[in-house]
N, C-alpha and C. Protein backbone atom coordinates (compact mmCIF):
# COMPACT_ATOMS: atom_id res chain seq x y z
N MET A 1 26.82 9.51 0.73
CA MET A 1 26.97 10.51 1.93
C MET A 1 25.67 9.95 2.88
N ALA A 2 25.69 9.88 4.22
CA ALA A 2 24.67 9.69 5.06
C ALA A 2 23.99 10.42 5.33
N SER A 3 22.70 9.72 5.78
CA SER A 3 21.57 10.24 5.42
C SER A 3 21.61 11.67 6.92
N GLY A 4 22.41 11.15 7.88
CA GLY A 4 22.46 12.12 8.43
C GLY A 4 23.34 13.27 8.55
N SER A 5 23.87 13.35 7.46
CA SER A 5 24.85 14.49 7.18
C SER A 5 24.26 15.18 6.30
N LEU A 6 22.95 15.17 5.93
CA LEU A 6 22.39 16.25 5.21
C LEU A 6 21.60 17.08 5.67
N SER A 7 21.95 18.33 4.83
CA SER A 7 21.07 19.76 5.47
C SER A 7 19.78 19.66 5.08
N ARG A 8 18.91 20.73 5.82
CA ARG A 8 17.60 20.75 5.59
C ARG A 8 17.27 20.83 3.94
N PRO A 9 17.99 21.55 3.56
CA PRO A 9 17.91 21.95 1.99
C PRO A 9 18.18 20.60 1.28
N GLY A 10 19.01 19.75 1.82
CA GLY A 10 19.80 18.68 0.78
C GLY A 10 18.76 17.44 1.24
N LEU A 11 18.12 17.52 2.41
CA LEU A 11 16.95 16.20 2.74
C LEU A 11 15.90 16.30 1.62
N LEU A 12 15.57 17.89 1.80
CA LEU A 12 14.21 18.31 0.53
C LEU A 12 14.53 17.72 -0.72
N ALA A 13 15.87 18.15 -1.40
CA ALA A 13 16.18 17.75 -2.56
C ALA A 13 16.29 16.14 -2.72
N ALA A 14 16.71 15.33 -1.88
CA ALA A 14 16.70 13.98 -1.83
C ALA A 14 15.23 13.48 -1.97
N ALA A 15 14.41 13.92 -1.02
CA ALA A 15 13.08 13.47 -0.80
C ALA A 15 12.82 13.95 -2.40
N ALA A 16 12.72 14.79 -2.93
CA ALA A 16 11.91 15.72 -4.19
C ALA A 16 12.43 14.87 -5.50
N SER A 17 13.98 14.24 -5.39
CA SER A 17 13.84 13.48 -6.47
C SER A 17 13.36 11.80 -6.45
N LEU A 18 12.82 11.59 -5.15
CA LEU A 18 11.99 10.38 -5.42
C LEU A 18 11.06 10.65 -6.69
N PHE A 19 10.25 11.79 -6.46
CA PHE A 19 9.37 11.84 -7.88
C PHE A 19 10.38 12.10 -9.26
N VAL A 20 9.64 10.89 -10.18
CA VAL A 20 9.91 11.41 -11.63
C VAL A 20 9.31 12.20 -12.25
N SER A 21 9.30 13.19 -13.69
CA SER A 21 8.24 13.87 -13.84
C SER A 21 7.16 14.53 -13.32
N CYS A 22 7.73 15.48 -12.38
CA CYS A 22 6.59 15.90 -11.25
C CYS A 22 5.69 17.10 -12.08
N THR A 23 4.68 16.80 -12.02
CA THR A 23 3.37 17.45 -12.67
C THR A 23 2.49 17.66 -11.88
N GLY A 24 2.99 17.42 -10.72
CA GLY A 24 1.79 17.27 -9.41
C GLY A 24 0.76 16.67 -9.25
N VAL A 25 0.22 16.28 -8.21
CA VAL A 25 -0.79 15.04 -7.71
C VAL A 25 -1.79 15.76 -7.42
N SER A 26 -3.12 15.54 -8.61
CA SER A 26 -4.26 16.52 -8.40
C SER A 26 -5.39 15.75 -7.78
N TRP A 27 -4.89 14.54 -7.29
CA TRP A 27 -6.39 14.26 -6.75
C TRP A 27 -5.99 13.93 -4.77
N SER A 28 -7.00 14.34 -4.18
CA SER A 28 -7.10 13.92 -3.07
C SER A 28 -7.46 12.87 -2.59
N ILE A 29 -6.64 12.17 -1.68
CA ILE A 29 -6.84 10.67 -0.69
C ILE A 29 -8.30 10.76 0.20
N ARG A 30 -8.46 12.11 0.30
CA ARG A 30 -9.39 12.15 1.56
C ARG A 30 -10.98 12.60 0.86
N ASN A 31 -10.42 12.59 -0.34
CA ASN A 31 -11.77 12.62 -1.54
C ASN A 31 -12.73 11.28 -0.99
N PRO A 32 -14.08 11.72 -1.02
CA PRO A 32 -15.26 10.43 -0.92
C PRO A 32 -14.95 9.61 -1.88
N GLY A 33 -14.34 9.90 -3.18
CA GLY A 33 -14.23 8.75 -3.76
C GLY A 33 -12.78 7.93 -3.90
N CYS A 34 -12.17 8.50 -3.05
CA CYS A 34 -10.78 7.46 -2.95
C CYS A 34 -10.97 7.34 -1.18
N PRO A 35 -11.75 6.36 -1.11
CA PRO A 35 -11.74 5.88 0.63
C PRO A 35 -10.42 5.12 1.03
N VAL A 36 -10.06 5.38 1.94
CA VAL A 36 -9.24 4.33 2.77
C VAL A 36 -9.53 4.18 4.02
N VAL A 37 -10.64 2.51 3.99
CA VAL A 37 -11.22 1.95 5.19
C VAL A 37 -10.39 1.23 5.38
N PRO A 38 -9.62 1.32 6.15
CA PRO A 38 -8.81 0.12 6.81
C PRO A 38 -9.04 -1.09 7.98
N ILE A 39 -8.49 -2.09 8.23
CA ILE A 39 -8.99 -2.81 9.21
C ILE A 39 -8.28 -2.45 10.49
N SER A 40 -9.28 -2.45 11.67
CA SER A 40 -8.76 -2.00 12.80
C SER A 40 -7.09 -2.24 13.47
N SER A 41 -6.75 -1.71 13.64
CA SER A 41 -4.88 -2.00 13.82
C SER A 41 -4.98 -3.21 14.90
N SER A 42 -5.89 -3.54 15.81
CA SER A 42 -5.80 -4.69 16.86
C SER A 42 -6.41 -5.83 16.09
N ASP A 43 -6.73 -5.61 14.71
CA ASP A 43 -7.59 -6.87 14.04
C ASP A 43 -6.79 -7.36 13.01
N LEU A 44 -5.54 -6.61 12.66
CA LEU A 44 -4.52 -6.97 11.55
C LEU A 44 -4.40 -8.71 11.47
N PRO A 45 -4.67 -8.72 10.46
CA PRO A 45 -3.85 -10.27 10.40
C PRO A 45 -2.63 -10.40 10.22
N GLY A 46 -1.83 -11.73 10.33
CA GLY A 46 -0.37 -11.59 9.95
C GLY A 46 -0.22 -11.43 8.37
N PRO A 47 0.75 -10.76 7.88
CA PRO A 47 1.90 -10.55 8.32
C PRO A 47 1.91 -9.18 8.82
N ARG A 48 1.79 -8.69 10.00
CA ARG A 48 2.05 -7.31 10.49
C ARG A 48 3.21 -6.61 10.03
N GLN A 49 4.45 -7.40 10.20
CA GLN A 49 5.43 -6.53 10.09
C GLN A 49 6.40 -7.42 8.57
N LEU A 50 6.43 -6.37 7.55
CA LEU A 50 7.00 -6.53 6.52
C LEU A 50 7.79 -5.47 6.04
N ARG A 51 8.44 -5.62 5.08
CA ARG A 51 9.32 -4.41 4.07
C ARG A 51 8.83 -5.34 2.52
N ALA A 52 8.77 -3.73 1.92
CA ALA A 52 8.51 -3.92 0.53
C ALA A 52 8.75 -2.97 -0.07
N ARG A 53 9.56 -3.62 -1.61
CA ARG A 53 9.74 -1.73 -2.53
C ARG A 53 8.49 -1.63 -2.95
N MET A 54 8.57 -0.27 -3.43
CA MET A 54 6.78 0.04 -4.02
C MET A 54 7.34 0.90 -4.86
N GLN A 55 6.90 0.94 -6.04
CA GLN A 55 7.03 2.05 -7.20
C GLN A 55 5.20 2.80 -7.53
N PHE A 56 5.00 4.10 -7.44
CA PHE A 56 3.72 4.15 -7.54
C PHE A 56 3.82 4.93 -9.10
N THR A 57 2.60 5.06 -9.68
CA THR A 57 2.46 5.50 -10.64
C THR A 57 1.22 6.54 -10.83
N MET A 58 1.05 8.04 -10.80
CA MET A 58 -0.01 8.66 -10.46
C MET A 58 -0.31 9.62 -10.95
N SER A 59 -0.90 10.15 -12.17
CA SER A 59 -1.25 11.61 -12.76
C SER A 59 0.41 11.81 -13.56
N GLY A 60 0.79 10.88 -14.43
CA GLY A 60 1.89 11.51 -14.94
C GLY A 60 3.32 11.30 -13.95
N ASP A 61 3.12 11.36 -12.71
CA ASP A 61 4.39 10.92 -11.83
C ASP A 61 4.76 9.71 -11.52
N GLU A 62 5.73 9.56 -11.25
CA GLU A 62 6.45 7.85 -10.69
C GLU A 62 6.74 8.06 -9.30
N ALA A 63 6.64 7.28 -8.49
CA ALA A 63 7.61 7.64 -7.27
C ALA A 63 8.07 6.21 -6.71
N TYR A 64 9.26 5.97 -6.33
CA TYR A 64 9.69 5.16 -5.79
C TYR A 64 10.17 4.95 -4.11
N LEU A 65 10.02 3.93 -3.31
CA LEU A 65 10.17 4.22 -1.80
C LEU A 65 10.58 2.63 -1.08
N GLU A 66 10.79 2.75 0.06
CA GLU A 66 10.80 1.19 0.76
C GLU A 66 9.78 1.41 2.10
N ALA A 67 8.46 0.87 2.05
CA ALA A 67 7.97 0.90 2.77
C ALA A 67 8.04 -0.29 4.08
N VAL A 68 8.15 0.07 5.70
CA VAL A 68 8.64 -0.56 6.47
C VAL A 68 7.51 -0.85 7.45
N THR A 69 6.51 -1.89 7.96
CA THR A 69 5.58 -1.45 8.75
C THR A 69 6.10 -2.53 9.97
N GLY A 70 5.43 -1.98 11.30
CA GLY A 70 5.72 -2.39 12.57
C GLY A 70 4.52 -1.93 13.68
N GLY A 71 5.38 -2.21 14.92
CA GLY A 71 3.80 -1.76 15.74
C GLY A 71 3.51 -2.87 16.55
N THR A 72 2.64 -2.16 17.88
CA THR A 72 2.44 -3.21 18.78
C THR A 72 1.19 -4.04 18.52
N PRO A 73 0.54 -4.64 19.51
CA PRO A 73 -0.63 -5.26 18.82
C PRO A 73 -1.85 -4.25 18.83
N ASP A 74 -1.96 -3.30 19.36
CA ASP A 74 -2.91 -2.17 19.53
C ASP A 74 -2.66 -1.10 18.39
N ASP A 75 -1.56 -0.84 17.71
CA ASP A 75 -1.48 0.09 16.86
C ASP A 75 -0.37 -0.44 15.62
N LEU A 76 -0.48 0.33 14.26
CA LEU A 76 0.34 0.14 13.72
C LEU A 76 1.04 1.07 13.21
N VAL A 77 2.87 1.15 12.21
CA VAL A 77 3.42 2.17 12.08
C VAL A 77 3.79 1.58 10.97
N VAL A 78 3.61 2.63 9.63
CA VAL A 78 4.48 2.26 8.55
C VAL A 78 5.08 3.34 7.90
N VAL A 79 6.32 2.77 7.66
CA VAL A 79 7.37 4.10 7.58
C VAL A 79 7.78 3.94 5.84
N GLY A 80 7.66 5.23 5.22
CA GLY A 80 8.35 5.18 3.76
C GLY A 80 10.03 6.03 3.97
N ILE A 81 10.68 5.15 3.25
CA ILE A 81 12.16 5.32 3.37
C ILE A 81 12.41 5.35 1.79
N ALA A 82 12.97 6.60 1.44
CA ALA A 82 13.81 6.89 0.05
C ALA A 82 15.24 6.85 0.26
N GLN A 83 15.95 7.34 -0.68
CA GLN A 83 17.05 7.13 -0.71
C GLN A 83 18.17 7.76 -0.15
N TYR A 84 19.23 7.57 0.52
CA TYR A 84 20.07 8.10 1.37
C TYR A 84 19.84 7.62 2.77
N GLY A 85 18.50 7.14 2.83
CA GLY A 85 17.89 6.59 4.14
C GLY A 85 17.05 7.71 4.57
N VAL A 86 16.72 8.75 3.64
CA VAL A 86 15.65 9.86 4.23
C VAL A 86 14.11 9.11 4.43
N ARG A 87 13.65 9.32 5.68
CA ARG A 87 12.28 9.24 6.03
C ARG A 87 11.18 10.23 5.40
N LEU A 88 10.59 9.70 4.47
CA LEU A 88 9.48 10.52 3.76
C LEU A 88 8.39 10.67 4.56
N PHE A 89 8.07 9.73 5.34
CA PHE A 89 6.66 10.00 5.80
C PHE A 89 6.19 8.57 7.04
N ALA A 90 5.57 8.98 7.88
CA ALA A 90 5.21 7.64 8.88
C ALA A 90 3.43 8.02 9.27
N VAL A 91 2.93 6.84 8.91
CA VAL A 91 1.89 6.73 9.32
C VAL A 91 1.60 6.16 10.32
N HIS A 92 0.61 6.48 10.96
CA HIS A 92 0.40 5.95 12.76
C HIS A 92 -1.03 5.75 12.62
N GLN A 93 -1.46 4.12 12.89
CA GLN A 93 -2.70 3.99 12.91
C GLN A 93 -3.26 3.12 13.95
N ARG A 94 -4.34 3.90 14.96
CA ARG A 94 -4.73 3.11 16.03
C ARG A 94 -6.21 2.90 15.66
N GLY A 95 -6.75 1.47 16.10
CA GLY A 95 -7.76 1.51 15.56
C GLY A 95 -8.16 1.36 14.22
N ARG A 96 -9.16 2.61 14.11
CA ARG A 96 -9.11 2.76 12.87
C ARG A 96 -9.15 4.69 12.57
N GLU A 97 -7.87 4.70 13.38
CA GLU A 97 -7.82 6.40 13.44
C GLU A 97 -6.51 6.51 13.02
N ILE A 98 -6.34 7.23 11.84
CA ILE A 98 -5.52 7.35 11.05
C ILE A 98 -4.37 8.72 10.86
N SER A 99 -2.88 8.75 11.22
CA SER A 99 -2.50 10.39 11.20
C SER A 99 -1.10 9.96 10.48
N VAL A 100 -0.57 10.99 9.58
CA VAL A 100 0.28 10.86 9.09
C VAL A 100 1.25 12.06 9.65
N GLU A 101 2.50 11.48 10.02
CA GLU A 101 3.83 12.58 10.29
C GLU A 101 4.85 12.77 9.80
N GLY A 102 5.62 13.70 9.17
CA GLY A 102 6.82 14.36 9.17
C GLY A 102 6.52 14.44 7.72
N ALA A 103 5.67 14.31 6.75
CA ALA A 103 5.55 14.19 5.52
C ALA A 103 6.03 15.55 5.23
N LEU A 104 7.10 15.60 4.12
CA LEU A 104 7.74 17.13 4.02
C LEU A 104 6.90 17.69 3.02
N SER A 105 5.37 17.58 2.29
CA SER A 105 4.40 18.12 1.92
C SER A 105 3.42 17.60 1.34
N ARG A 106 1.80 17.85 1.29
CA ARG A 106 1.15 17.58 1.05
C ARG A 106 1.45 16.28 -0.28
N ARG A 107 2.09 16.27 -1.00
CA ARG A 107 2.16 15.29 -1.96
C ARG A 107 2.75 13.93 -1.13
N PHE A 108 3.66 14.33 -0.39
CA PHE A 108 4.41 13.05 0.90
C PHE A 108 3.19 12.51 1.67
N GLU A 109 2.08 13.36 2.08
CA GLU A 109 0.65 13.28 2.63
C GLU A 109 0.33 11.70 1.67
N HIS A 110 -0.03 12.28 0.75
CA HIS A 110 -0.74 11.69 0.10
C HIS A 110 -0.18 10.19 -0.32
N LEU A 111 1.09 10.29 -0.62
CA LEU A 111 1.70 8.98 -0.85
C LEU A 111 1.69 8.24 0.44
N ALA A 112 1.77 8.73 1.74
CA ALA A 112 1.98 7.98 2.83
C ALA A 112 0.50 7.31 2.78
N LEU A 113 -0.53 7.75 2.26
CA LEU A 113 -2.09 7.26 2.54
C LEU A 113 -2.24 5.85 1.59
N TRP A 114 -1.99 6.15 0.29
CA TRP A 114 -1.55 5.50 -0.56
C TRP A 114 -1.23 4.31 -0.55
N THR A 115 0.33 4.54 0.17
CA THR A 115 1.10 3.08 0.78
C THR A 115 0.07 2.33 1.89
N LEU A 116 -0.33 3.01 2.72
CA LEU A 116 -1.54 2.40 3.91
C LEU A 116 -2.70 1.51 2.95
N ASP A 117 -3.04 2.34 1.80
CA ASP A 117 -4.41 1.76 1.26
C ASP A 117 -3.87 0.57 0.39
N VAL A 118 -2.39 0.45 0.07
CA VAL A 118 -2.32 -0.63 -0.81
C VAL A 118 -1.93 -1.69 0.17
N LEU A 119 -1.45 -1.68 1.36
CA LEU A 119 -1.13 -2.63 2.23
C LEU A 119 -2.44 -3.63 2.94
N HIS A 120 -3.52 -2.47 3.29
CA HIS A 120 -4.80 -3.16 3.80
C HIS A 120 -5.25 -3.94 2.26
N ARG A 121 -5.58 -3.14 1.09
CA ARG A 121 -6.21 -3.93 0.03
C ARG A 121 -5.69 -5.32 -0.49
N ALA A 122 -4.08 -5.22 -0.18
CA ALA A 122 -3.37 -6.35 -0.98
C ALA A 122 -3.07 -7.63 0.31
N PHE A 123 -3.17 -6.99 1.13
CA PHE A 123 -2.53 -7.87 2.21
C PHE A 123 -3.35 -8.33 3.44
N TRP A 124 -4.10 -7.34 4.27
CA TRP A 124 -4.81 -7.34 5.39
C TRP A 124 -6.08 -7.44 5.39
N ILE A 125 -6.40 -7.06 4.39
CA ILE A 125 -8.06 -7.11 4.20
C ILE A 125 -8.49 -8.63 3.58
N GLN A 126 -9.02 -9.88 4.44
CA GLN A 126 -9.16 -10.96 4.31
C GLN A 126 -10.74 -11.50 4.62
N PRO A 127 -11.31 -12.77 3.80
CA PRO A 127 -12.32 -12.99 3.94
C PRO A 127 -12.59 -13.12 5.64
N PRO A 128 -14.00 -13.32 5.61
CA PRO A 128 -14.50 -13.85 7.23
C PRO A 128 -14.22 -14.90 7.30
N PRO A 129 -13.95 -15.43 8.48
CA PRO A 129 -13.39 -16.84 9.14
C PRO A 129 -14.65 -18.05 8.48
N ASP A 130 -16.08 -17.39 8.37
CA ASP A 130 -17.14 -18.13 8.13
C ASP A 130 -17.06 -18.66 6.60
N ILE A 131 -16.24 -17.97 5.75
CA ILE A 131 -16.34 -18.62 4.52
C ILE A 131 -15.50 -19.66 4.07
N GLU A 132 -15.86 -20.60 3.48
CA GLU A 132 -14.87 -21.69 2.94
C GLU A 132 -14.05 -21.38 1.82
N PRO A 133 -12.54 -21.33 2.19
CA PRO A 133 -11.71 -21.34 1.01
C PRO A 133 -11.91 -22.13 -0.33
N GLY A 134 -11.61 -21.13 -1.40
CA GLY A 134 -11.93 -21.95 -2.69
C GLY A 134 -11.20 -21.29 -4.11
N ALA A 135 -11.53 -21.69 -4.87
CA ALA A 135 -10.89 -21.19 -6.08
C ALA A 135 -11.77 -19.81 -6.38
N VAL A 136 -12.79 -19.23 -5.91
CA VAL A 136 -13.27 -17.97 -6.23
C VAL A 136 -13.93 -17.65 -4.97
N VAL A 137 -13.66 -16.60 -4.05
CA VAL A 137 -14.18 -16.57 -3.19
C VAL A 137 -14.99 -14.63 -2.85
N ASN A 138 -16.12 -14.45 -2.29
CA ASN A 138 -16.97 -13.35 -2.60
C ASN A 138 -17.11 -13.22 -1.23
N TRP A 139 -17.01 -11.90 -1.00
CA TRP A 139 -17.70 -11.30 0.53
C TRP A 139 -17.80 -9.66 0.21
N ASP A 140 -18.30 -9.27 1.24
CA ASP A 140 -18.32 -7.71 1.83
C ASP A 140 -17.64 -7.24 2.68
N TRP A 141 -17.13 -6.00 1.86
CA TRP A 141 -16.10 -5.10 3.00
C TRP A 141 -16.53 -3.84 2.87
N GLU A 142 -17.38 -3.29 4.25
CA GLU A 142 -17.87 -1.88 4.22
C GLU A 142 -18.96 -1.70 2.93
N ASN A 143 -18.57 -0.83 2.20
CA ASN A 143 -19.58 -0.72 1.27
C ASN A 143 -18.84 -0.90 -0.10
N GLU A 144 -18.21 -2.51 0.11
CA GLU A 144 -17.67 -2.98 -1.00
C GLU A 144 -17.78 -4.28 -1.37
N ARG A 145 -17.54 -4.90 -2.90
CA ARG A 145 -18.09 -6.42 -2.74
C ARG A 145 -16.44 -6.52 -3.42
N VAL A 146 -15.89 -7.76 -2.66
CA VAL A 146 -14.48 -7.94 -2.78
C VAL A 146 -14.52 -9.71 -3.47
N THR A 147 -14.35 -9.85 -4.58
CA THR A 147 -13.80 -10.98 -5.09
C THR A 147 -12.35 -11.62 -5.01
N ASP A 148 -11.86 -12.81 -4.87
CA ASP A 148 -10.60 -13.41 -4.27
C ASP A 148 -10.61 -14.69 -5.27
N VAL A 149 -9.81 -14.54 -5.95
CA VAL A 149 -9.00 -15.99 -6.96
C VAL A 149 -7.49 -15.86 -6.17
N ARG A 150 -7.26 -17.40 -5.53
CA ARG A 150 -5.81 -17.31 -5.21
C ARG A 150 -5.63 -19.00 -5.61
N GLU A 151 -4.28 -19.04 -6.02
CA GLU A 151 -4.16 -20.61 -6.53
C GLU A 151 -2.21 -20.75 -6.45
N GLY A 152 -1.67 -21.37 -5.49
CA GLY A 152 -0.41 -21.56 -5.90
C GLY A 152 0.63 -20.37 -5.11
N GLY A 153 -0.13 -19.19 -4.38
CA GLY A 153 0.53 -18.06 -4.30
C GLY A 153 0.43 -17.26 -5.35
N GLY A 154 -0.30 -17.24 -6.26
CA GLY A 154 -0.68 -16.24 -7.28
C GLY A 154 -2.15 -15.94 -7.27
N GLY A 155 -2.48 -15.23 -8.28
CA GLY A 155 -4.20 -14.91 -8.38
C GLY A 155 -4.37 -13.63 -8.34
N TRP A 156 -5.46 -13.16 -8.59
CA TRP A 156 -6.10 -11.86 -8.18
C TRP A 156 -7.05 -11.35 -7.51
N ARG A 157 -7.48 -10.21 -7.38
CA ARG A 157 -8.59 -9.45 -6.47
C ARG A 157 -9.08 -8.38 -6.92
N GLU A 158 -10.38 -8.43 -6.48
CA GLU A 158 -11.28 -6.85 -6.84
C GLU A 158 -12.22 -6.25 -5.85
N PHE A 159 -12.16 -5.34 -6.16
CA PHE A 159 -12.98 -4.25 -5.38
C PHE A 159 -13.85 -3.60 -6.38
N THR A 160 -15.15 -3.76 -6.17
CA THR A 160 -16.48 -3.04 -6.81
C THR A 160 -17.30 -2.65 -5.50
N ARG A 161 -17.54 -1.38 -6.06
CA ARG A 161 -18.80 -0.67 -4.99
C ARG A 161 -20.32 -1.42 -5.23
N HIS A 162 -20.88 -1.73 -4.17
CA HIS A 162 -22.16 -1.84 -4.27
C HIS A 162 -22.92 -0.77 -4.93
N GLY A 163 -23.98 -0.96 -5.47
CA GLY A 163 -25.25 -0.33 -6.35
C GLY A 163 -24.12 0.12 -7.76
N SER A 164 -22.87 -0.22 -8.08
CA SER A 164 -22.32 0.60 -9.12
C SER A 164 -22.68 -0.07 -9.93
N ASP A 165 -22.99 0.51 -11.17
CA ASP A 165 -22.84 0.12 -12.53
C ASP A 165 -21.47 -1.41 -13.15
N PRO A 166 -22.17 -2.54 -13.58
CA PRO A 166 -21.24 -3.59 -13.56
C PRO A 166 -19.34 -2.89 -14.46
N ALA A 167 -20.05 -2.06 -15.19
CA ALA A 167 -19.33 -1.61 -16.35
C ALA A 167 -18.02 -0.34 -15.65
N SER A 168 -18.46 -0.09 -14.10
CA SER A 168 -17.81 0.76 -13.54
C SER A 168 -16.22 0.44 -12.93
N ALA A 169 -15.68 1.18 -12.94
CA ALA A 169 -14.30 1.38 -12.55
C ALA A 169 -14.07 0.78 -11.41
N ARG A 170 -12.88 -0.75 -11.03
CA ARG A 170 -12.91 -0.93 -10.06
C ARG A 170 -11.54 -1.18 -9.54
N VAL A 171 -11.00 -1.35 -8.27
CA VAL A 171 -9.83 -1.46 -7.59
C VAL A 171 -9.28 -3.26 -8.22
N VAL A 172 -8.09 -3.32 -8.81
CA VAL A 172 -7.72 -4.95 -9.55
C VAL A 172 -6.74 -4.69 -8.86
N ILE A 173 -6.17 -6.36 -8.39
CA ILE A 173 -5.02 -6.34 -7.84
C ILE A 173 -4.60 -8.02 -8.35
N ARG A 174 -3.12 -7.90 -8.74
CA ARG A 174 -2.83 -9.19 -9.15
C ARG A 174 -1.30 -9.91 -8.55
N TYR A 175 -1.65 -10.93 -8.04
CA TYR A 175 -0.33 -11.32 -7.40
C TYR A 175 0.11 -12.65 -8.14
N THR A 176 1.68 -12.45 -8.02
CA THR A 176 2.45 -13.01 -8.57
C THR A 176 3.35 -13.61 -7.42
N ALA A 177 3.46 -15.29 -7.40
CA ALA A 177 4.45 -16.25 -6.60
C ALA A 177 5.75 -15.91 -6.24
N ALA A 178 6.62 -16.22 -5.35
CA ALA A 178 7.60 -16.03 -5.27
C ALA A 178 8.65 -17.19 -6.55
N THR A 179 9.41 -16.75 -7.29
CA THR A 179 9.96 -18.01 -8.17
C THR A 179 10.96 -18.62 -7.44
N ALA A 180 10.54 -20.02 -7.51
CA ALA A 180 11.72 -20.90 -6.47
C ALA A 180 13.20 -20.89 -7.68
N GLY A 181 14.26 -21.16 -6.62
CA GLY A 181 15.40 -21.28 -7.01
C GLY A 181 15.92 -19.73 -7.85
N THR A 182 15.24 -18.35 -7.75
CA THR A 182 15.88 -17.36 -7.82
C THR A 182 15.70 -16.30 -6.87
N SER A 183 15.84 -15.27 -7.11
CA SER A 183 16.23 -14.25 -5.79
C SER A 183 14.65 -13.39 -5.89
N ALA A 184 13.64 -14.14 -7.26
CA ALA A 184 12.62 -13.18 -7.18
C ALA A 184 11.72 -13.51 -6.37
N GLY A 185 10.81 -12.75 -5.34
CA GLY A 185 9.99 -12.57 -4.13
C GLY A 185 8.81 -12.58 -4.82
N PRO A 186 7.70 -12.54 -4.11
CA PRO A 186 6.12 -12.23 -4.25
C PRO A 186 5.91 -10.78 -5.00
N ARG A 187 5.13 -10.66 -5.63
CA ARG A 187 5.31 -9.26 -6.30
C ARG A 187 3.52 -9.40 -6.37
N VAL A 188 3.33 -8.07 -6.29
CA VAL A 188 1.99 -7.28 -6.27
C VAL A 188 1.52 -6.25 -7.02
N GLU A 189 0.64 -6.14 -8.11
CA GLU A 189 0.33 -5.00 -8.92
C GLU A 189 -1.16 -4.55 -8.69
N ILE A 190 -1.46 -3.49 -7.82
CA ILE A 190 -2.41 -2.89 -7.95
C ILE A 190 -2.92 -1.50 -8.96
N TYR A 191 -3.98 -1.62 -9.37
CA TYR A 191 -4.62 -0.54 -9.92
C TYR A 191 -5.80 -0.21 -9.27
N ASN A 192 -5.89 1.01 -9.00
CA ASN A 192 -7.10 1.88 -7.84
C ASN A 192 -7.54 3.12 -8.74
N PRO A 193 -8.30 3.38 -9.34
CA PRO A 193 -8.85 4.32 -10.16
C PRO A 193 -9.65 5.16 -9.44
N TRP A 194 -10.20 4.72 -8.38
CA TRP A 194 -10.86 5.64 -7.28
C TRP A 194 -9.71 6.57 -7.07
N CYS A 195 -8.40 6.48 -6.56
CA CYS A 195 -7.23 7.04 -6.18
C CYS A 195 -6.54 7.96 -7.35
N GLY A 196 -6.63 7.30 -8.47
CA GLY A 196 -5.81 7.52 -9.42
C GLY A 196 -4.29 7.08 -9.21
N TYR A 197 -4.34 6.19 -8.83
CA TYR A 197 -2.48 5.16 -8.84
C TYR A 197 -2.78 4.16 -9.29
N GLU A 198 -1.39 3.77 -9.77
CA GLU A 198 -0.85 2.37 -9.93
C GLU A 198 0.28 1.89 -9.00
N ALA A 199 0.40 0.79 -8.95
CA ALA A 199 1.21 0.45 -7.75
C ALA A 199 1.97 -0.53 -8.19
N VAL A 200 3.25 -0.73 -7.84
CA VAL A 200 4.19 -2.03 -7.85
C VAL A 200 4.93 -2.51 -6.31
N VAL A 201 4.37 -3.61 -6.20
CA VAL A 201 5.05 -4.03 -4.73
C VAL A 201 5.97 -5.11 -4.96
N ALA A 202 7.26 -5.18 -4.59
CA ALA A 202 7.98 -6.57 -4.31
C ALA A 202 8.41 -6.62 -2.99
N VAL A 203 7.70 -7.74 -2.34
CA VAL A 203 7.90 -8.14 -0.87
C VAL A 203 9.52 -8.82 -0.71
N LEU A 204 9.82 -7.92 0.25
CA LEU A 204 11.40 -8.13 0.65
C LEU A 204 11.55 -9.30 1.74
N GLU A 205 10.62 -8.66 2.78
CA GLU A 205 10.95 -9.43 3.90
C GLU A 205 9.20 -9.58 4.56
N VAL A 206 9.26 -10.53 5.27
CA VAL A 206 7.76 -10.92 5.88
C VAL A 206 8.08 -11.45 7.30
N GLU A 207 7.80 -10.59 8.57
CA GLU A 207 8.17 -11.10 9.85
C GLU A 207 9.26 -11.93 10.16
N GLY A 208 10.46 -10.64 9.33
CA GLY A 208 12.03 -11.27 9.61
C GLY A 208 12.32 -12.50 8.75
N ALA A 209 11.65 -12.65 7.94
CA ALA A 209 12.24 -14.13 7.19
C ALA A 209 12.17 -13.32 5.87
N ARG A 210 13.44 -13.11 5.18
CA ARG A 210 13.81 -12.94 3.59
C ARG A 210 13.31 -13.32 2.86
N ARG A 211 12.67 -12.43 1.55
CA ARG A 211 12.00 -13.78 0.55
C ARG A 211 13.13 -13.61 -0.71
């Protein structure tokens, strides 16, 4: 059935089926313990335009969607799409101001902001230009310390909070490069205990180039 033929109840049911084992998302992305501190939209590095398949796990729930990003040199738009082409949300970012439109519920608003958090932490937050690239790179981002290790398209990244106990929770990201000679594209796994989610990202297309 085409998405355009779905009634409002049908659209809600299709979108609701995005979540598996819906036990309720109790975390709030706007809690100070769950920061979403983005790069200014006018300063985003490439690739700004990408398409990725994403799987989230949070509070016993799982959610599946496709994220498509775009926009102009001054703003960013991230659209989340579920089955039947149903649009779950649109995140608009101009500068560092963020707004969510079209979310069918508070749950989808949280999912929208988590999607933006994943994209910034995994792809767009980059070392300052005066840092020499190497096997291990460390730099400060807002009130966080970033450690980056990259090799051959793979590697890992960690975010820790300044002044936190060394054993405290941290955001961990692992990168897997595309496999030559196969259809397997780049893959990213992110664990964010500050917000209470885990995500797996399969990059499908970057700046018009399919992976």
